[in-house]
């Protein structure tokens, strides 16, 4: 393998000649073999970093800190990365010591070496474009790294919102499809009162729809960035005009409504925006997991369970039981939720563990957030396309449950009174008889009166009692 020799504070190493990363990235690759997940697994993060570096170069050029040919080469390199090129060159592990320095230097080295190529030089000829002196100019890992992450999270959040909207629409369409057919509602896994399929599935749609606004609102926290803070928020090694300029450029590049944090020291050591966003991810995960529980339970059977709905069969369910088909899609969604909830605990503990002017545990927080966003987004697409869209109602079975349920007596309570209704329920349960038959037998209501009370429209919505 052809190599080139690079040096740093610790000595010299041979780097693959075709690699755009350099010696500091290479050392990180040797040091951190932890997750087998690379930062390249999260392209939105890389795009956010490239946008940050491009904005920094523009601000530095405005301040006459970069010459035009060098600036243009850096700008072009960043733009190439932002459209998906060289993503595979971001090879450091997502979990790393150093508060993100490995990731920041990975970006600096890739951009520097690509800029060198653009200017007609060879990779590693850093006297013409240096990862630290030029790409990292006016920056520190402690402002560039979290800013890149914040931008990447905003991009990923928008994708999550779009998939969430599609899932809401799918539940709403399924509600209309299943319609006014009646089924039994249940509380504490016991028969309660009737509900229609449409009401139940519209409830799922409405519950999920409420989360859209929350995600839009929590994203705004990431619009505040600490560029210009450099090491600890004091702005050492940056021009006084740099922070305002770099944020203005960054807003134009990303299309986000970015602003400079009010207090750069606080913005550099405070990671609770990650906590807030993770909490919202957990909230959505909990809701979807609960809905997935319902889908699994309502589809249980087919002979000895509830089986009021049929889920699409997507794969055989058992290696030993022929003909068995399991609710694998909702099961997978449950497991996604468990992972998101676990990631939330990680983010909470990592944020709490920060000390003094910097939280060195940002890498695991950023990793956990991007993983949670990605698996939730992918999971919602899976749940929608492979489950919700294909759900069918077992209307005959559901209706029989309603008319054989003791819970039906609740609809009679306003007419017969609580005590009489309780006695009917007790007798129906003891004798394994229907409430309907007992009411007629006792001549408490005529058949016409009873049928009117038990009409689905009368049992599943408020109605005048007199």
Protein backbone atom coordinates (compact mmCIF):
# COMPACT_ATOMS: atom_id res chain seq x y z
CA UNK A 1 0.00 0.00 0.00
CA UNK A 2 1.33 3.41 -0.96
CA UNK A 3 1.73 5.81 1.95
CA UNK A 4 2.73 9.36 2.80
CA UNK A 5 4.51 10.39 5.99
CA UNK A 6 2.97 12.97 8.31
CA UNK A 7 4.08 14.29 11.68
CA UNK A 8 2.49 15.80 14.77
CA UNK A 9 3.42 16.57 18.36
CA UNK A 10 3.94 12.88 19.14
CA UNK A 11 6.04 11.93 16.13
CA UNK A 12 5.64 10.60 12.60
CA UNK A 13 3.28 8.03 11.04
CA UNK A 14 2.68 6.60 7.59
CA UNK A 15 -0.79 7.48 6.27
CA UNK A 16 -2.44 5.75 3.28
CA UNK A 17 -1.53 7.90 0.30
CA UNK A 18 -5.08 8.07 -1.02
CA UNK A 19 -6.59 9.04 2.36
CA UNK A 20 -7.88 12.57 2.78
CA UNK A 21 -7.63 12.31 6.56
CA UNK A 22 -4.29 12.88 8.22
CA UNK A 23 -2.19 11.88 11.19
CA UNK A 24 -4.48 13.04 13.98
CA UNK A 25 -7.43 11.19 12.49
CA UNK A 26 -5.20 8.14 12.04
CA UNK A 27 -4.17 8.21 15.70
CA UNK A 28 -7.81 8.42 16.72
CA UNK A 29 -8.63 5.44 14.51
CA UNK A 30 -5.90 3.49 16.31
CA UNK A 31 -6.98 4.59 19.78
CA UNK A 32 -10.76 4.25 19.69
CA UNK A 33 -12.12 0.87 18.59
CA UNK A 34 -15.35 1.09 20.54
CA UNK A 35 -18.62 0.98 18.64
CA UNK A 36 -17.68 0.09 15.06
CA UNK A 37 -19.81 3.13 14.20
CA UNK A 38 -17.99 5.95 12.47
CA UNK A 39 -19.09 9.56 12.29
CA UNK A 40 -19.62 8.87 8.58
CA UNK A 41 -22.64 6.79 9.66
CA UNK A 42 -24.36 10.11 10.41
CA UNK A 43 -24.08 12.18 7.20
CA UNK A 44 -26.14 15.07 8.57
CA UNK A 45 -23.46 15.55 11.23
CA UNK A 46 -20.74 15.65 8.57
CA UNK A 47 -22.76 18.14 6.54
CA UNK A 48 -23.15 20.29 9.65
CA UNK A 49 -19.41 20.23 10.27
CA UNK A 50 -18.63 21.11 6.65
CA UNK A 51 -21.10 24.01 6.78
CA UNK A 52 -19.44 25.24 9.97
CA UNK A 53 -15.97 25.11 8.42
CA UNK A 54 -17.18 26.86 5.27
CA UNK A 55 -18.77 29.65 7.30
CA UNK A 56 -15.57 30.04 9.31
CA UNK A 57 -13.53 30.32 6.12
CA UNK A 58 -15.90 32.97 4.75
CA UNK A 59 -15.67 35.00 7.97
CA UNK A 60 -11.89 34.70 8.03
CA UNK A 61 -11.70 35.80 4.41
CA UNK A 62 -13.91 38.80 5.19
CA UNK A 63 -11.43 39.72 7.92
CA UNK A 64 -8.45 39.37 5.53
CA UNK A 65 -7.16 36.37 7.44
CA UNK A 66 -7.22 34.07 4.38
CA UNK A 67 -5.97 34.84 0.90
CA UNK A 68 -8.48 34.45 -1.90
CA UNK A 69 -7.06 31.32 -3.64
CA UNK A 70 -6.81 29.48 -0.34
CA UNK A 71 -10.26 30.60 0.76
CA UNK A 72 -11.84 29.51 -2.54
CA UNK A 73 -10.21 26.08 -2.31
CA UNK A 74 -11.45 25.61 1.26
CA UNK A 75 -14.91 26.82 0.29
CA UNK A 76 -15.09 24.38 -2.63
CA UNK A 77 -13.90 21.47 -0.49
CA UNK A 78 -16.57 22.21 2.12
CA UNK A 79 -19.26 22.50 -0.53
CA UNK A 80 -18.29 19.13 -1.98
CA UNK A 81 -18.62 17.51 1.43
CA UNK A 82 -21.99 19.17 1.99
CA UNK A 83 -23.38 17.44 -1.11
CA UNK A 84 -22.15 14.03 0.03
CA UNK A 85 -18.62 13.72 -1.32
CA UNK A 86 -15.78 12.35 0.83
CA UNK A 87 -18.18 11.22 3.57
CA UNK A 88 -16.29 7.92 3.73
CA UNK A 89 -13.17 9.81 4.84
CA UNK A 90 -14.72 10.60 8.21
CA UNK A 91 -13.47 7.51 9.98
CA UNK A 92 -13.18 8.29 13.69
CA UNK A 93 -15.32 6.34 16.15
CA UNK A 94 -18.41 8.17 17.38
CA UNK A 95 -17.30 7.58 20.98
CA UNK A 96 -13.94 9.19 21.64
CA UNK A 97 -11.99 10.95 24.33
CA UNK A 98 -11.02 14.56 23.87
CA UNK A 99 -14.42 16.30 23.78
CA UNK A 100 -14.73 15.84 20.01
CA UNK A 101 -11.22 16.86 18.98
CA UNK A 102 -10.81 13.69 16.92
CA UNK A 103 -13.93 14.54 14.92
CA UNK A 104 -12.95 18.19 14.52
CA UNK A 105 -9.47 17.26 13.29
CA UNK A 106 -10.92 14.63 10.97
CA UNK A 107 -12.93 17.42 9.34
CA UNK A 108 -9.97 19.81 9.33
CA UNK A 109 -7.67 17.26 7.69
CA UNK A 110 -10.13 16.09 5.04
CA UNK A 111 -10.96 19.67 4.06
CA UNK A 112 -7.29 20.68 4.05
CA UNK A 113 -6.21 17.79 1.84
CA UNK A 114 -9.06 18.30 -0.60
CA UNK A 115 -8.28 22.02 -0.73
CA UNK A 116 -4.65 21.15 -1.46
CA UNK A 117 -5.76 19.03 -4.41
CA UNK A 118 -7.98 21.82 -5.70
CA UNK A 119 -4.99 24.19 -5.61
CA UNK A 120 -2.80 21.66 -7.42
CA UNK A 121 -0.78 20.41 -4.45
CA UNK A 122 -0.37 16.93 -3.01
CA UNK A 123 -2.11 15.62 0.08
CA UNK A 124 -0.05 16.36 3.14
CA UNK A 125 1.65 19.48 1.78
CA UNK A 126 0.30 21.41 4.73
CA UNK A 127 2.57 24.42 4.30
CA UNK A 128 0.05 25.55 1.66
CA UNK A 129 -3.14 24.64 3.53
CA UNK A 130 -2.87 23.50 7.13
CA UNK A 131 -5.63 21.69 9.10
CA UNK A 132 -5.03 23.84 12.19
CA UNK A 133 -3.64 27.10 10.86
CA UNK A 134 -6.16 27.53 8.06
CA UNK A 135 -9.16 25.20 8.36
CA UNK A 136 -9.42 25.61 12.15
CA UNK A 137 -8.59 29.33 12.06
CA UNK A 138 -10.54 31.37 14.66
CA UNK A 139 -12.03 28.16 16.04
CA UNK A 140 -11.70 25.50 18.69
CA UNK A 141 -13.17 22.04 18.83
CA UNK A 142 -15.29 23.47 21.63
CA UNK A 143 -17.28 25.76 19.35
CA UNK A 144 -16.96 24.17 15.89
CA UNK A 145 -17.79 20.62 17.00
CA UNK A 146 -21.03 21.35 18.92
CA UNK A 147 -22.11 23.84 16.27
CA UNK A 148 -21.70 21.23 13.54
CA UNK A 149 -23.67 18.79 15.66
CA UNK A 150 -26.47 21.28 16.27
CA UNK A 151 -26.83 21.97 12.56
CA UNK A 152 -26.80 18.26 11.78
CA UNK A 153 -29.46 17.62 14.41
CA UNK A 154 -31.65 20.31 12.83
CA UNK A 155 -31.35 18.61 9.45
CA UNK A 156 -32.12 15.18 10.93
CA UNK A 157 -35.01 16.61 12.94
CA UNK A 158 -36.68 17.90 9.79
CA UNK A 159 -36.51 14.41 8.28
CA UNK A 160 -38.00 12.95 11.45
CA UNK A 161 -40.86 15.46 11.36
CA UNK A 162 -41.65 14.58 7.75
CA UNK A 163 -41.79 10.87 8.58
CA UNK A 164 -43.91 11.60 11.65
CA UNK A 165 -46.37 13.54 9.49
CA UNK A 166 -46.59 10.58 7.11
CA UNK A 167 -47.30 8.23 10.03
CA UNK A 168 -50.03 10.54 11.32
CA UNK A 169 -51.60 10.59 7.86
CA UNK A 170 -51.42 6.81 7.67
CA UNK A 171 -53.27 6.36 10.96
CA UNK A 172 -55.82 8.98 9.90
CA UNK A 173 -56.39 7.26 6.55
CA UNK A 174 -56.71 3.90 8.29
CA UNK A 175 -59.28 5.39 10.68
CA UNK A 176 -61.42 6.42 7.71
CA UNK A 177 -60.87 3.07 6.06
CA UNK A 178 -62.00 1.08 9.11
CA UNK A 179 -64.87 3.49 9.61
CA UNK A 180 -67.81 3.46 11.98
CA UNK A 181 -67.62 -0.26 12.74
CA UNK A 182 -68.06 -0.86 16.44
CA UNK A 183 -65.64 -2.66 18.73
CA UNK A 184 -65.08 -3.01 22.44
CA UNK A 185 -63.06 -0.43 24.31
CA UNK A 186 -61.03 -1.73 27.22
CA UNK A 187 -59.58 -0.23 30.38
CA UNK A 188 -57.18 -2.17 32.59
CA UNK A 189 -57.51 -4.98 30.01
CA UNK A 190 -61.15 -5.41 31.02
CA UNK A 191 -64.24 -4.74 28.91
CA UNK A 192 -65.21 -1.08 29.18
CA UNK A 193 -67.58 0.58 26.70
CA UNK A 194 -67.88 0.47 22.91
CA UNK A 195 -65.77 2.54 20.56
CA UNK A 196 -65.54 2.62 16.79
CA UNK A 197 -62.46 1.61 14.85
CA UNK A 198 -62.37 5.10 13.42
CA UNK A 199 -62.36 6.70 16.86
CA UNK A 200 -59.58 4.43 18.08
CA UNK A 201 -57.28 4.97 15.11
CA UNK A 202 -58.03 8.69 14.91
CA UNK A 203 -56.95 8.80 18.55
CA UNK A 204 -53.58 7.37 17.54
CA UNK A 205 -53.27 9.94 14.75
CA UNK A 206 -54.16 12.84 17.03
CA UNK A 207 -51.79 11.72 19.77
CA UNK A 208 -48.85 11.53 17.37
CA UNK A 209 -49.81 14.75 15.59
CA UNK A 210 -49.39 16.67 18.84
CA UNK A 211 -45.68 15.81 18.81
CA UNK A 212 -44.98 17.65 15.56
CA UNK A 213 -45.23 21.06 17.20
CA UNK A 214 -43.02 19.93 20.08
CA UNK A 215 -40.28 18.85 17.67
CA UNK A 216 -40.50 22.13 15.78
CA UNK A 217 -40.20 24.07 19.02
CA UNK A 218 -37.34 22.09 20.54
CA UNK A 219 -35.33 22.39 17.31
CA UNK A 220 -35.18 26.14 17.90
CA UNK A 221 -32.85 25.53 20.84
CA UNK A 222 -30.22 24.37 18.37
CA UNK A 223 -30.48 27.59 16.37
CA UNK A 224 -28.37 29.25 19.07
CA UNK A 225 -24.68 28.52 18.41
CA UNK A 226 -21.44 29.38 20.19
CA UNK A 227 -19.18 30.08 17.20
CA UNK A 228 -16.51 32.53 18.29
CA UNK A 229 -16.36 31.07 21.77
CA UNK A 230 -13.18 29.19 20.81
CA UNK A 231 -11.80 27.27 23.80
CA UNK A 232 -14.00 28.19 26.78
CA UNK A 233 -16.22 31.04 25.61
CA UNK A 234 -13.82 33.95 26.03
CA UNK A 235 -13.08 34.16 22.30
CA UNK A 236 -9.31 33.81 22.56
CA UNK A 237 -7.56 33.77 19.15
CA UNK A 238 -10.55 35.20 17.29
CA UNK A 239 -11.27 38.65 15.87
CA UNK A 240 -13.93 40.71 17.72
CA UNK A 241 -15.99 40.86 14.52
CA UNK A 242 -15.65 37.16 13.80
CA UNK A 243 -18.59 35.74 15.83
CA UNK A 244 -21.22 37.92 14.16
CA UNK A 245 -19.80 37.32 10.69
CA UNK A 246 -19.45 33.55 11.02
CA UNK A 247 -23.00 33.09 12.31
CA UNK A 248 -24.40 35.24 9.49
CA UNK A 249 -22.57 33.13 6.92
CA UNK A 250 -23.62 29.92 8.64
CA UNK A 251 -27.28 30.94 8.57
CA UNK A 252 -27.08 31.64 4.83
CA UNK A 253 -25.28 28.37 4.09
CA UNK A 254 -27.69 26.19 6.08
CA UNK A 255 -30.96 28.06 5.57
CA UNK A 256 -31.50 27.88 9.33
CA UNK A 257 -32.51 30.83 11.51
CA UNK A 258 -29.25 30.75 13.45
CA UNK A 259 -28.18 33.29 16.05
CA UNK A 260 -25.17 33.82 18.25
CA UNK A 261 -25.64 32.57 21.81
CA UNK A 262 -26.18 35.37 24.32
CA UNK A 263 -23.44 34.14 26.64
CA UNK A 264 -20.65 32.18 24.97
CA UNK A 265 -19.23 30.87 28.24
CA UNK A 266 -22.58 29.38 29.24
CA UNK A 267 -23.18 28.08 25.72
CA UNK A 268 -19.81 26.31 25.75
CA UNK A 269 -20.25 24.44 29.02
CA UNK A 270 -24.04 23.89 29.05
CA UNK A 271 -25.26 20.81 27.18
CA UNK A 272 -28.85 20.74 28.40
CA UNK A 273 -30.22 21.53 24.93
CA UNK A 274 -29.20 17.97 24.09
CA UNK A 275 -31.12 16.82 27.17
CA UNK A 276 -34.24 18.70 26.09
CA UNK A 277 -34.17 17.29 22.58
CA UNK A 278 -33.50 13.77 23.81
CA UNK A 279 -36.46 14.09 26.17
CA UNK A 280 -38.68 14.91 23.20
CA UNK A 281 -37.32 11.90 21.31
CA UNK A 282 -38.13 9.76 24.34
CA UNK A 283 -41.64 11.20 24.52
CA UNK A 284 -42.32 10.23 20.91
CA UNK A 285 -40.76 6.81 21.43
CA UNK A 286 -43.01 6.16 24.44
CA UNK A 287 -46.13 7.10 22.46
CA UNK A 288 -45.26 4.97 19.45
CA UNK A 289 -44.31 2.04 21.67
CA UNK A 290 -47.65 2.23 23.48
CA UNK A 291 -49.47 2.26 20.14
CA UNK A 292 -47.36 -0.70 19.02
CA UNK A 293 -48.39 -2.54 22.19
CA UNK A 294 -52.02 -1.92 21.25
CA UNK A 295 -51.56 -3.19 17.71
CA UNK A 296 -49.93 -6.37 18.99
CA UNK A 297 -52.66 -6.96 21.55
CA UNK A 298 -55.56 -6.18 19.22
CA UNK A 299 -54.11 -8.55 16.61
CA UNK A 300 -53.50 -11.37 19.10
CA UNK A 301 -54.87 -14.73 18.05
CA UNK A 302 -56.00 -15.66 15.50
CA UNK A 303 -58.19 -18.17 17.36
CA UNK A 304 -57.48 -17.63 21.05
CA UNK A 305 -56.82 -13.90 21.26
CA UNK A 306 -58.63 -10.64 20.65
CA UNK A 307 -58.00 -10.58 16.89
CA UNK A 308 -60.08 -7.48 16.18
CA UNK A 309 -57.49 -6.39 13.63
CA UNK A 310 -55.29 -8.27 11.19
CA UNK A 311 -51.75 -7.03 10.67
CA UNK A 312 -50.00 -7.59 7.35
CA UNK A 313 -48.05 -10.85 7.28
CA UNK A 314 -44.48 -9.85 6.41
CA UNK A 315 -42.55 -13.02 7.31
CA UNK A 316 -43.05 -16.49 8.82
CA UNK A 317 -43.10 -16.31 12.57
CA UNK A 318 -41.69 -19.50 13.98
CA UNK A 319 -38.97 -22.03 13.28
CA UNK A 320 -40.96 -24.75 15.08
CA UNK A 321 -44.66 -23.83 14.84
CA UNK A 322 -45.93 -24.13 11.25
CA UNK A 323 -48.28 -21.42 10.04
CA UNK A 324 -47.49 -18.98 12.85
CA UNK A 325 -47.14 -15.32 11.88
CA UNK A 326 -45.93 -12.84 14.47
CA UNK A 327 -46.40 -9.04 14.79
CA UNK A 328 -42.72 -8.45 14.03
CA UNK A 329 -43.09 -4.84 12.89
CA UNK A 330 -44.66 -3.50 16.11
CA UNK A 331 -42.20 -5.65 18.06
CA UNK A 332 -39.32 -3.97 16.26
CA UNK A 333 -40.87 -0.58 16.99
CA UNK A 334 -41.00 -1.44 20.69
CA UNK A 335 -37.31 -2.26 20.65
CA UNK A 336 -36.50 1.01 18.92
CA UNK A 337 -38.32 2.79 21.73
CA UNK A 338 -36.35 0.90 24.37
CA UNK A 339 -33.12 1.99 22.70
CA UNK A 340 -34.21 5.63 22.50
CA UNK A 341 -35.18 5.60 26.17
CA UNK A 342 -31.78 4.11 27.03
CA UNK A 343 -30.04 6.76 24.95
CA UNK A 344 -31.96 9.41 26.86
CA UNK A 345 -30.56 8.08 30.12
CA UNK A 346 -27.05 8.20 28.61
CA UNK A 347 -27.51 11.81 27.51
CA UNK A 348 -28.85 12.82 30.92
CA UNK A 349 -25.92 11.31 32.79
CA UNK A 350 -23.35 12.64 30.31
CA UNK A 351 -24.75 16.16 30.55
CA UNK A 352 -24.74 16.03 34.34
CA UNK A 353 -21.12 14.85 34.34
CA UNK A 354 -19.75 18.05 32.79
CA UNK A 355 -17.17 19.97 34.78
CA UNK A 356 -16.22 23.64 34.86
CA UNK A 357 -15.88 25.32 31.43
CA UNK A 358 -16.46 22.28 29.18
CA UNK A 359 -18.40 19.05 29.03
CA UNK A 360 -16.01 16.49 27.56
CA UNK A 361 -18.78 13.94 27.10
CA UNK A 362 -20.43 15.62 24.13
CA UNK A 363 -19.34 12.79 21.78
CA UNK A 364 -21.53 10.18 23.46
CA UNK A 365 -24.42 12.66 23.72
CA UNK A 366 -24.19 13.53 20.04
CA UNK A 367 -23.89 9.87 19.07
CA UNK A 368 -26.91 8.93 21.17
CA UNK A 369 -29.03 11.72 19.69
CA UNK A 370 -28.19 10.94 16.09
CA UNK A 371 -28.79 7.25 16.68
CA UNK A 372 -32.15 7.93 18.33
CA UNK A 373 -33.26 10.28 15.55
CA UNK A 374 -32.21 7.84 12.84
CA UNK A 375 -33.79 4.72 14.31
CA UNK A 376 -37.01 6.56 15.16
CA UNK A 377 -37.22 7.98 11.64
CA UNK A 378 -36.52 4.60 10.05
CA UNK A 379 -38.85 2.89 12.49
CA UNK A 380 -41.76 5.18 11.70
CA UNK A 381 -41.31 4.52 7.98
CA UNK A 382 -41.27 0.78 8.71
CA UNK A 383 -44.35 0.92 10.93
CA UNK A 384 -46.28 2.95 8.38
CA UNK A 385 -45.42 1.06 5.21
CA UNK A 386 -45.23 -2.50 6.56
CA UNK A 387 -47.95 -2.38 9.21
CA UNK A 388 -50.39 0.52 9.49
CA UNK A 389 -51.11 0.85 5.77
CA UNK A 390 -52.13 -2.81 5.56
CA UNK A 391 -54.19 -3.23 8.74
CA UNK A 392 -57.61 -4.83 8.25
CA UNK A 393 -60.55 -4.92 10.64
CA UNK A 394 -62.18 -8.14 11.81
CA UNK A 395 -65.57 -6.49 12.13
CA UNK A 396 -67.73 -9.56 12.75
CA UNK A 397 -65.59 -10.70 15.66
CA UNK A 398 -65.40 -7.21 17.11
CA UNK A 399 -69.17 -6.74 16.97
CA UNK A 400 -69.78 -10.07 18.67
CA UNK A 401 -67.50 -9.00 21.51
CA UNK A 402 -69.57 -5.84 21.95
CA UNK A 403 -72.92 -7.58 22.13
CA UNK A 404 -71.62 -10.35 24.38
CA UNK A 405 -69.84 -7.97 26.71
CA UNK A 406 -70.92 -7.19 30.23
CA UNK A 407 -69.59 -3.70 29.57
CA UNK A 408 -72.60 -3.09 27.37
CA UNK A 409 -74.60 -2.48 30.52
CA UNK A 410 -72.93 0.92 30.90
CA UNK A 411 -75.00 2.21 27.99
CA UNK A 412 -78.15 1.21 29.92
CA UNK A 413 -77.12 2.97 33.11
CA UNK A 414 -78.79 6.34 32.30
CA UNK A 415 -82.09 4.55 31.55
CA UNK A 416 -82.23 1.72 34.11
CA UNK A 417 -80.14 3.25 36.88
CA UNK A 418 -76.88 2.10 38.39
CA UNK A 419 -78.29 -0.50 40.80
CA UNK A 420 -80.52 -2.26 38.27
CA UNK A 421 -77.74 -2.19 35.70
CA UNK A 422 -75.31 -3.69 38.22
CA UNK A 423 -77.71 -6.57 38.93
CA UNK A 424 -78.08 -7.28 35.22
CA UNK A 425 -74.29 -7.29 34.83
CA UNK A 426 -73.90 -9.65 37.79
CA UNK A 427 -76.53 -12.08 36.50
CA UNK A 428 -75.18 -11.98 32.93
CA UNK A 429 -71.72 -12.84 34.17
CA UNK A 430 -72.89 -15.58 36.54
CA UNK A 431 -75.14 -17.27 33.98
CA UNK A 432 -72.97 -16.58 30.94
CA UNK A 433 -75.81 -14.78 29.24
CA UNK A 434 -75.96 -11.60 27.21
CA UNK A 435 -77.04 -8.29 28.69
CA UNK A 436 -79.28 -7.82 25.67
CA UNK A 437 -81.27 -11.02 26.34
CA UNK A 438 -81.64 -10.36 30.06
CA UNK A 439 -83.02 -6.86 29.56
CA UNK A 440 -85.66 -8.19 27.16
CA UNK A 441 -86.46 -11.15 29.40
CA UNK A 442 -87.03 -8.89 32.40
CA UNK A 443 -89.19 -6.65 30.22
CA UNK A 444 -87.16 -3.64 31.29
CA UNK A 445 -87.14 -2.19 27.78
CA UNK A 446 -88.80 -2.98 24.49
CA UNK A 447 -86.66 -4.38 21.71
CA UNK A 448 -87.00 -1.11 19.81
CA UNK A 449 -85.88 0.92 22.82
CA UNK A 450 -82.96 -1.41 23.49
CA UNK A 451 -81.84 -1.42 19.85
CA UNK A 452 -81.88 2.37 19.78
CA UNK A 453 -79.73 2.62 22.91
CA UNK A 454 -77.30 0.06 21.55
CA UNK A 455 -76.90 1.70 18.15
CA UNK A 456 -73.19 2.34 17.57
CA UNK A 457 -73.78 6.06 17.17
CA UNK A 458 -75.53 6.20 20.53
CA UNK A 459 -72.91 4.15 22.36
CA UNK A 460 -69.84 5.90 21.01
CA UNK A 461 -70.65 9.57 21.43
CA UNK A 462 -72.52 11.87 23.83
CA UNK A 463 -76.31 12.04 23.40
CA UNK A 464 -79.21 13.73 25.09
CA UNK A 465 -80.35 11.77 28.12
CA UNK A 466 -83.81 13.32 28.17
